[in-house]
N, C-alpha and C. Protein backbone atom coordinates (compact mmCIF):
# COMPACT_ATOMS: atom_id res chain seq x y z
N UNK A 1 -8.57 -19.52 -11.59
CA UNK A 1 -7.59 -18.45 -12.02
C UNK A 1 -8.20 -17.20 -12.79
N UNK A 2 -7.62 -16.23 -12.80
CA UNK A 2 -8.35 -14.90 -13.34
C UNK A 2 -8.64 -15.01 -14.69
N UNK A 3 -9.64 -14.48 -15.11
CA UNK A 3 -10.00 -14.40 -16.49
C UNK A 3 -9.25 -13.58 -17.35
N UNK A 4 -7.96 -13.66 -17.33
CA UNK A 4 -6.97 -12.73 -17.98
C UNK A 4 -6.00 -13.53 -18.76
N UNK A 5 -5.65 -13.18 -19.92
CA UNK A 5 -4.67 -13.69 -20.82
C UNK A 5 -3.94 -12.76 -21.56
N UNK A 6 -2.58 -12.96 -21.83
CA UNK A 6 -1.96 -11.80 -22.48
C UNK A 6 -1.84 -12.27 -24.01
N UNK A 7 -2.14 -11.39 -24.88
CA UNK A 7 -1.94 -11.35 -26.36
C UNK A 7 -1.20 -10.38 -26.85
N UNK A 8 0.12 -10.71 -27.10
CA UNK A 8 1.13 -9.59 -27.52
C UNK A 8 1.47 -8.78 -26.32
N UNK A 9 1.17 -7.26 -26.64
CA UNK A 9 1.40 -6.51 -25.44
C UNK A 9 0.19 -6.09 -24.70
N UNK A 10 -1.00 -6.73 -24.91
CA UNK A 10 -2.37 -6.43 -24.38
C UNK A 10 -2.79 -7.48 -23.49
N UNK A 11 -3.27 -7.13 -22.42
CA UNK A 11 -4.12 -8.22 -21.46
C UNK A 11 -5.41 -8.08 -22.04
N UNK A 12 -5.96 -9.39 -22.19
CA UNK A 12 -7.38 -9.61 -22.59
C UNK A 12 -8.11 -10.11 -21.51
N UNK A 13 -9.24 -9.60 -21.34
CA UNK A 13 -10.27 -10.00 -20.18
C UNK A 13 -11.56 -10.21 -20.81
N UNK A 14 -11.99 -11.55 -20.82
CA UNK A 14 -13.21 -11.86 -21.57
C UNK A 14 -13.73 -11.04 -22.74
N UNK A 15 -12.78 -11.15 -23.78
CA UNK A 15 -12.84 -10.43 -24.84
C UNK A 15 -12.72 -9.13 -24.94
N UNK A 16 -12.35 -8.43 -24.12
CA UNK A 16 -11.90 -6.93 -24.05
C UNK A 16 -10.45 -6.83 -23.92
N UNK A 17 -10.00 -6.07 -24.91
CA UNK A 17 -8.53 -5.72 -24.94
C UNK A 17 -8.19 -4.50 -24.17
N UNK A 18 -7.11 -4.84 -23.23
CA UNK A 18 -6.83 -3.56 -22.53
C UNK A 18 -5.38 -3.18 -22.86
N UNK A 19 -5.11 -1.81 -22.63
CA UNK A 19 -3.84 -1.37 -23.03
C UNK A 19 -2.62 -2.10 -22.25
N UNK A 20 -1.46 -1.89 -22.78
CA UNK A 20 -0.25 -2.43 -21.89
C UNK A 20 -0.26 -1.76 -20.50
N UNK A 21 0.11 -2.58 -19.55
CA UNK A 21 0.14 -2.07 -18.16
C UNK A 21 1.41 -2.70 -17.48
N UNK A 22 1.60 -2.41 -16.34
CA UNK A 22 2.81 -3.03 -15.73
C UNK A 22 2.28 -4.23 -14.94
N UNK A 23 1.10 -4.63 -14.87
CA UNK A 23 0.59 -5.96 -14.46
C UNK A 23 -0.78 -6.29 -15.08
N UNK A 24 -1.18 -7.65 -15.18
CA UNK A 24 -2.31 -7.94 -15.63
C UNK A 24 -3.51 -7.19 -14.88
N UNK A 25 -4.36 -6.79 -15.61
CA UNK A 25 -5.50 -6.02 -15.18
C UNK A 25 -6.86 -6.79 -15.22
N UNK A 26 -7.84 -6.17 -14.70
CA UNK A 26 -9.18 -6.65 -14.96
C UNK A 26 -10.05 -5.43 -14.92
N UNK A 27 -11.10 -5.50 -15.86
CA UNK A 27 -11.94 -4.32 -16.08
C UNK A 27 -12.68 -4.22 -14.69
N UNK A 28 -12.85 -3.15 -14.00
CA UNK A 28 -13.64 -3.09 -12.72
C UNK A 28 -15.14 -3.47 -13.05
N UNK A 29 -15.69 -3.16 -14.15
CA UNK A 29 -16.99 -3.45 -14.51
C UNK A 29 -17.24 -4.94 -14.65
N UNK A 30 -16.28 -5.74 -14.97
CA UNK A 30 -16.40 -7.14 -15.12
C UNK A 30 -16.10 -7.60 -13.47
N UNK A 31 -15.19 -7.03 -12.91
CA UNK A 31 -14.86 -7.69 -11.42
C UNK A 31 -16.00 -7.53 -10.56
N UNK A 32 -16.90 -6.73 -10.54
CA UNK A 32 -18.07 -6.49 -9.90
C UNK A 32 -19.49 -6.73 -10.36
N UNK A 33 -19.38 -7.73 -11.34
CA UNK A 33 -20.72 -8.25 -11.93
C UNK A 33 -21.18 -9.29 -11.02
N UNK A 34 -20.68 -9.68 -9.99
CA UNK A 34 -21.16 -10.70 -9.25
C UNK A 34 -20.57 -12.12 -9.56
N UNK A 35 -19.61 -12.05 -10.54
CA UNK A 35 -19.17 -13.56 -11.01
C UNK A 35 -18.21 -14.17 -10.13
N UNK A 36 -17.64 -13.44 -9.18
CA UNK A 36 -16.58 -13.72 -8.16
C UNK A 36 -17.06 -13.22 -6.76
N UNK A 37 -16.76 -14.07 -5.85
CA UNK A 37 -16.93 -13.65 -4.49
C UNK A 37 -15.99 -12.79 -4.13
N UNK A 38 -16.52 -11.65 -3.42
CA UNK A 38 -15.38 -10.53 -2.85
C UNK A 38 -14.84 -10.72 -1.56
N UNK A 39 -13.61 -10.30 -1.27
CA UNK A 39 -13.16 -10.51 -0.10
C UNK A 39 -12.55 -9.14 0.52
N UNK A 40 -12.69 -8.69 1.53
CA UNK A 40 -12.37 -7.43 2.06
C UNK A 40 -10.90 -7.55 2.62
N UNK A 41 -10.07 -6.67 2.26
CA UNK A 41 -8.57 -6.66 2.68
C UNK A 41 -8.21 -5.21 3.23
N UNK A 42 -7.18 -5.25 4.12
CA UNK A 42 -6.67 -3.94 4.57
C UNK A 42 -5.23 -3.95 4.28
N UNK A 43 -4.60 -2.91 3.58
CA UNK A 43 -3.17 -2.77 3.20
C UNK A 43 -2.68 -1.66 4.19
N UNK A 44 -1.74 -1.86 4.87
CA UNK A 44 -0.98 -0.80 5.67
C UNK A 44 0.39 -0.60 5.07
N UNK A 45 0.82 0.61 4.85
CA UNK A 45 2.08 0.85 4.44
C UNK A 45 2.80 1.89 5.00
N UNK A 46 4.17 1.92 5.12
CA UNK A 46 4.80 2.99 5.74
C UNK A 46 6.17 3.01 4.91
N UNK A 47 6.46 4.23 4.64
CA UNK A 47 7.89 4.52 3.88
C UNK A 47 8.33 5.89 3.90
N UNK A 48 9.34 6.06 3.30
CA UNK A 48 9.85 7.61 3.32
C UNK A 48 8.95 8.42 2.19
N UNK A 49 8.44 9.54 2.67
CA UNK A 49 7.42 10.35 1.97
C UNK A 49 8.01 10.69 0.37
N UNK A 50 7.22 10.51 -0.54
CA UNK A 50 7.79 11.11 -1.85
C UNK A 50 6.28 11.25 -2.71
N UNK A 51 6.56 11.91 -3.96
CA UNK A 51 5.44 12.38 -4.58
C UNK A 51 4.92 10.84 -5.27
N UNK A 52 3.63 10.92 -5.31
CA UNK A 52 3.01 9.79 -6.38
C UNK A 52 2.62 8.42 -5.43
N UNK A 53 3.03 8.34 -4.15
CA UNK A 53 2.80 7.11 -3.55
C UNK A 53 1.33 6.79 -3.54
N UNK A 54 0.51 7.75 -3.17
CA UNK A 54 -0.97 7.55 -3.22
C UNK A 54 -1.68 7.00 -4.37
N UNK A 55 -1.10 7.69 -5.29
CA UNK A 55 -1.73 7.16 -6.82
C UNK A 55 -1.14 5.90 -7.30
N UNK A 56 0.02 5.65 -6.91
CA UNK A 56 0.50 4.41 -7.39
C UNK A 56 -0.01 3.24 -6.68
N UNK A 57 -0.31 3.40 -5.27
CA UNK A 57 -0.90 2.10 -4.54
C UNK A 57 -2.35 1.99 -4.88
N UNK A 58 -3.08 3.14 -5.07
CA UNK A 58 -4.55 2.95 -5.41
C UNK A 58 -4.62 2.54 -6.84
N UNK A 59 -3.79 3.05 -7.71
CA UNK A 59 -3.76 2.52 -9.21
C UNK A 59 -3.59 1.12 -9.26
N UNK A 60 -2.54 0.61 -8.59
CA UNK A 60 -2.26 -0.77 -8.45
C UNK A 60 -3.38 -1.57 -7.96
N UNK A 61 -4.16 -1.10 -6.91
CA UNK A 61 -5.37 -1.96 -6.61
C UNK A 61 -6.33 -1.96 -7.56
N UNK A 62 -6.70 -0.70 -8.21
CA UNK A 62 -7.68 -0.58 -9.22
C UNK A 62 -7.39 -1.55 -10.36
N UNK A 63 -5.98 -1.56 -10.75
CA UNK A 63 -5.70 -2.46 -12.04
C UNK A 63 -5.97 -3.96 -11.56
N UNK A 64 -6.02 -4.14 -10.49
CA UNK A 64 -6.34 -5.74 -10.12
C UNK A 64 -7.82 -5.96 -9.69
N UNK A 65 -8.67 -4.96 -10.03
CA UNK A 65 -10.08 -5.18 -9.79
C UNK A 65 -10.60 -4.69 -8.31
N UNK A 66 -9.84 -4.16 -7.67
CA UNK A 66 -10.21 -3.74 -6.26
C UNK A 66 -11.11 -2.62 -6.24
N UNK A 67 -12.13 -2.54 -5.30
CA UNK A 67 -13.00 -1.45 -5.03
C UNK A 67 -12.44 -0.68 -3.57
N UNK A 68 -11.97 0.38 -3.69
CA UNK A 68 -11.38 0.97 -2.45
C UNK A 68 -12.55 1.58 -1.67
N UNK A 69 -12.72 1.09 -0.35
CA UNK A 69 -13.71 1.43 0.51
C UNK A 69 -13.40 2.57 1.43
N UNK A 70 -12.04 2.60 1.73
CA UNK A 70 -11.41 3.67 2.70
C UNK A 70 -10.08 3.80 2.50
N UNK A 71 -9.70 5.02 2.50
CA UNK A 71 -8.37 5.39 2.59
C UNK A 71 -7.83 6.47 3.26
N UNK A 72 -6.86 6.17 4.15
CA UNK A 72 -6.25 7.42 5.00
C UNK A 72 -4.86 7.28 4.84
N UNK A 73 -4.27 8.43 4.76
CA UNK A 73 -2.97 8.71 4.76
C UNK A 73 -2.39 9.74 5.78
N UNK A 74 -1.07 9.74 6.05
CA UNK A 74 -0.65 10.65 6.91
C UNK A 74 0.89 10.85 6.76
N UNK A 75 1.36 12.06 6.77
CA UNK A 75 2.82 12.21 6.50
C UNK A 75 3.36 13.03 7.83
N UNK A 76 4.49 12.73 8.27
CA UNK A 76 5.02 13.41 9.50
C UNK A 76 6.13 14.34 9.03
N UNK A 77 6.36 15.18 10.01
CA UNK A 77 7.52 16.30 9.68
C UNK A 77 8.79 15.50 9.46
N UNK A 78 8.94 14.48 9.94
CA UNK A 78 10.10 13.44 9.86
C UNK A 78 10.19 12.85 8.47
N UNK A 79 9.39 13.30 7.42
CA UNK A 79 9.17 12.57 6.17
C UNK A 79 8.87 11.26 6.15
N UNK A 80 8.02 10.83 7.15
CA UNK A 80 7.49 9.39 6.98
C UNK A 80 6.18 9.36 6.71
N UNK A 81 5.84 8.55 5.54
CA UNK A 81 4.61 8.47 5.05
C UNK A 81 3.86 7.15 5.60
N UNK A 82 2.53 7.39 6.20
CA UNK A 82 1.88 5.98 6.32
C UNK A 82 0.40 6.07 5.54
N UNK A 83 0.05 4.93 5.28
CA UNK A 83 -1.30 4.74 4.35
C UNK A 83 -2.08 3.47 4.87
N UNK A 84 -3.28 3.55 4.92
CA UNK A 84 -4.03 2.51 5.34
C UNK A 84 -5.22 2.57 4.19
N UNK A 85 -5.23 1.42 3.48
CA UNK A 85 -6.41 1.17 2.66
C UNK A 85 -7.35 0.04 2.62
N UNK A 86 -8.63 0.23 2.82
CA UNK A 86 -9.54 -1.08 3.05
C UNK A 86 -9.96 -1.18 1.67
N UNK A 87 -10.20 -2.41 1.10
CA UNK A 87 -10.68 -2.61 -0.27
C UNK A 87 -11.38 -3.98 -0.43
N UNK A 88 -12.33 -4.13 -1.43
CA UNK A 88 -12.87 -5.29 -1.78
C UNK A 88 -12.29 -5.72 -3.05
N UNK A 89 -12.02 -7.16 -3.02
CA UNK A 89 -11.34 -7.68 -4.18
C UNK A 89 -11.84 -8.95 -4.54
N UNK A 90 -12.04 -9.28 -5.95
CA UNK A 90 -12.38 -10.62 -6.20
C UNK A 90 -11.51 -11.65 -5.67
N UNK A 91 -11.91 -12.74 -5.18
CA UNK A 91 -11.30 -13.67 -4.40
C UNK A 91 -10.07 -14.38 -5.27
N UNK A 92 -10.39 -14.49 -6.58
CA UNK A 92 -9.32 -15.03 -7.47
C UNK A 92 -8.03 -14.39 -7.67
N UNK A 93 -8.02 -12.90 -7.06
CA UNK A 93 -6.85 -12.01 -7.25
C UNK A 93 -6.10 -12.09 -5.95
N UNK A 94 -6.46 -12.69 -5.01
CA UNK A 94 -5.78 -12.38 -3.80
C UNK A 94 -4.31 -12.99 -3.66
N UNK A 95 -3.84 -14.05 -4.19
CA UNK A 95 -2.55 -14.45 -4.24
C UNK A 95 -1.67 -13.51 -5.14
N UNK A 96 -2.24 -13.02 -6.34
CA UNK A 96 -1.65 -12.30 -7.39
C UNK A 96 -1.30 -11.03 -6.72
N UNK A 97 -2.07 -10.37 -5.88
CA UNK A 97 -1.88 -9.13 -5.37
C UNK A 97 -1.06 -8.99 -4.38
N UNK A 98 -0.84 -10.04 -3.51
CA UNK A 98 0.13 -10.03 -2.41
C UNK A 98 1.59 -10.00 -3.12
N UNK A 99 1.72 -11.11 -3.98
CA UNK A 99 2.93 -11.19 -4.64
C UNK A 99 3.39 -9.98 -5.76
N UNK A 100 2.52 -9.51 -6.30
CA UNK A 100 2.61 -8.45 -7.37
C UNK A 100 2.96 -7.15 -6.61
N UNK A 101 2.34 -6.82 -5.52
CA UNK A 101 2.50 -5.59 -4.61
C UNK A 101 3.90 -5.58 -4.23
N UNK A 102 4.38 -6.66 -3.64
CA UNK A 102 5.83 -6.64 -3.35
C UNK A 102 6.79 -6.27 -4.30
N UNK A 103 6.69 -6.84 -5.26
CA UNK A 103 7.70 -6.62 -6.46
C UNK A 103 7.43 -5.37 -7.14
N UNK A 104 6.26 -4.97 -7.48
CA UNK A 104 6.04 -3.94 -8.19
C UNK A 104 5.89 -2.59 -7.55
N UNK A 105 5.51 -2.53 -6.18
CA UNK A 105 5.28 -1.20 -5.50
C UNK A 105 6.23 -1.15 -4.35
N UNK A 106 6.07 -2.35 -3.41
CA UNK A 106 6.81 -2.11 -2.15
C UNK A 106 8.30 -2.02 -2.20
N UNK A 107 8.96 -2.97 -3.02
CA UNK A 107 10.41 -2.89 -3.26
C UNK A 107 10.92 -1.45 -3.67
N UNK A 108 10.29 -1.06 -4.90
CA UNK A 108 11.03 0.21 -5.50
C UNK A 108 10.78 1.38 -4.48
N UNK A 109 9.83 1.38 -3.68
CA UNK A 109 9.58 2.68 -2.72
C UNK A 109 10.20 2.17 -1.23
N UNK A 110 10.60 1.21 -1.17
CA UNK A 110 11.40 0.74 0.13
C UNK A 110 10.32 0.73 1.19
N UNK A 111 9.04 0.19 0.94
CA UNK A 111 7.90 0.14 1.92
C UNK A 111 8.06 -0.90 2.88
N UNK A 112 7.54 -0.73 4.05
CA UNK A 112 7.27 -1.80 5.09
C UNK A 112 5.83 -1.68 5.08
N UNK A 113 5.24 -3.08 4.84
CA UNK A 113 3.77 -3.08 4.45
C UNK A 113 3.22 -4.45 4.88
N UNK A 114 1.92 -4.31 5.17
CA UNK A 114 1.19 -5.61 5.57
C UNK A 114 -0.15 -5.56 4.78
N UNK A 115 -0.51 -6.84 4.54
CA UNK A 115 -1.89 -6.93 3.96
C UNK A 115 -2.57 -8.01 4.66
N UNK A 116 -3.79 -7.76 5.27
CA UNK A 116 -4.62 -8.68 6.07
C UNK A 116 -5.97 -8.75 5.40
N UNK A 117 -6.50 -10.05 5.38
CA UNK A 117 -7.77 -10.30 4.80
C UNK A 117 -8.68 -10.28 5.99
N UNK A 118 -9.83 -10.00 5.86
CA UNK A 118 -11.04 -10.04 6.89
C UNK A 118 -11.17 -11.27 7.58
N UNK A 119 -10.83 -12.40 7.00
CA UNK A 119 -11.20 -13.73 7.46
C UNK A 119 -10.00 -14.42 8.05
N UNK A 120 -8.94 -13.67 8.09
CA UNK A 120 -7.58 -14.32 8.71
C UNK A 120 -7.71 -14.28 10.16
N UNK A 121 -7.36 -15.40 10.68
CA UNK A 121 -7.34 -15.58 12.09
C UNK A 121 -6.31 -14.65 12.77
N UNK A 122 -6.71 -13.81 13.72
CA UNK A 122 -5.99 -12.98 14.48
C UNK A 122 -5.28 -13.66 15.62
N UNK A 123 -3.90 -13.59 15.71
CA UNK A 123 -3.25 -14.09 16.95
C UNK A 123 -3.55 -13.31 18.05
N UNK A 124 -3.91 -14.08 19.19
CA UNK A 124 -4.17 -13.32 20.47
C UNK A 124 -3.65 -14.20 21.62
N UNK A 125 -3.11 -13.64 22.68
CA UNK A 125 -2.80 -14.26 23.80
C UNK A 125 -3.59 -13.76 25.00
N UNK A 126 -4.07 -14.73 25.88
CA UNK A 126 -4.75 -14.24 27.06
C UNK A 126 -3.99 -14.71 28.14
N UNK A 127 -3.51 -13.86 29.13
CA UNK A 127 -2.69 -14.24 30.33
C UNK A 127 -3.57 -14.01 31.56
N UNK A 128 -3.45 -14.87 32.29
CA UNK A 128 -4.20 -14.67 33.58
C UNK A 128 -3.42 -15.52 34.80
N UNK A 129 -3.75 -14.96 35.95
CA UNK A 129 -3.13 -15.46 37.03
C UNK A 129 -4.16 -15.39 38.31
N UNK A 130 -3.86 -16.35 39.31
CA UNK A 130 -4.66 -16.32 40.52
C UNK A 130 -3.96 -15.53 41.60
N UNK A 131 -2.80 -15.28 41.27
CA UNK A 131 -1.98 -14.59 42.40
C UNK A 131 -2.35 -13.15 42.37
N UNK A 132 -2.33 -12.38 43.57
CA UNK A 132 -2.76 -11.06 43.90
C UNK A 132 -1.69 -10.23 43.36
N UNK A 133 -0.48 -10.62 43.20
CA UNK A 133 0.44 -9.55 42.84
C UNK A 133 0.25 -8.98 41.43
N UNK A 134 -0.58 -9.66 40.64
CA UNK A 134 -1.02 -8.93 39.29
C UNK A 134 -1.92 -8.12 39.44
N UNK A 135 -2.90 -7.90 40.43
CA UNK A 135 -3.83 -7.04 40.82
C UNK A 135 -3.32 -5.68 41.51
N UNK A 136 -2.13 -5.73 41.98
CA UNK A 136 -1.75 -4.40 42.84
C UNK A 136 -1.20 -3.39 41.82
């Protein structure tokens, strides 16, 4: 479990008191001291474009100890916003991030989103035939 506990209105991480926030947070300096194995994830988001989406998503990831490795965004003339963020996250935060993102970020913005971890098995189908009709 994450080294976070709540005392009053503050989250406490290994003796460091953090200001109130919308979710438990971890100090980035503690997250990357090598105490926990890191896992790479890719978050993809699509929703109606509005101000603050990039900051909201990246701040959320940072608050959970993520190191953002790549971030790409695009907005279409039809007011559709898409975002792809690749990040490294301490393993003990994996379940928390998936659940909290849905409640705190995705639902309020009406986002369609997916979070994939690098070691998840990808579903693939290979179709083949001996019949020549498929070759024409």
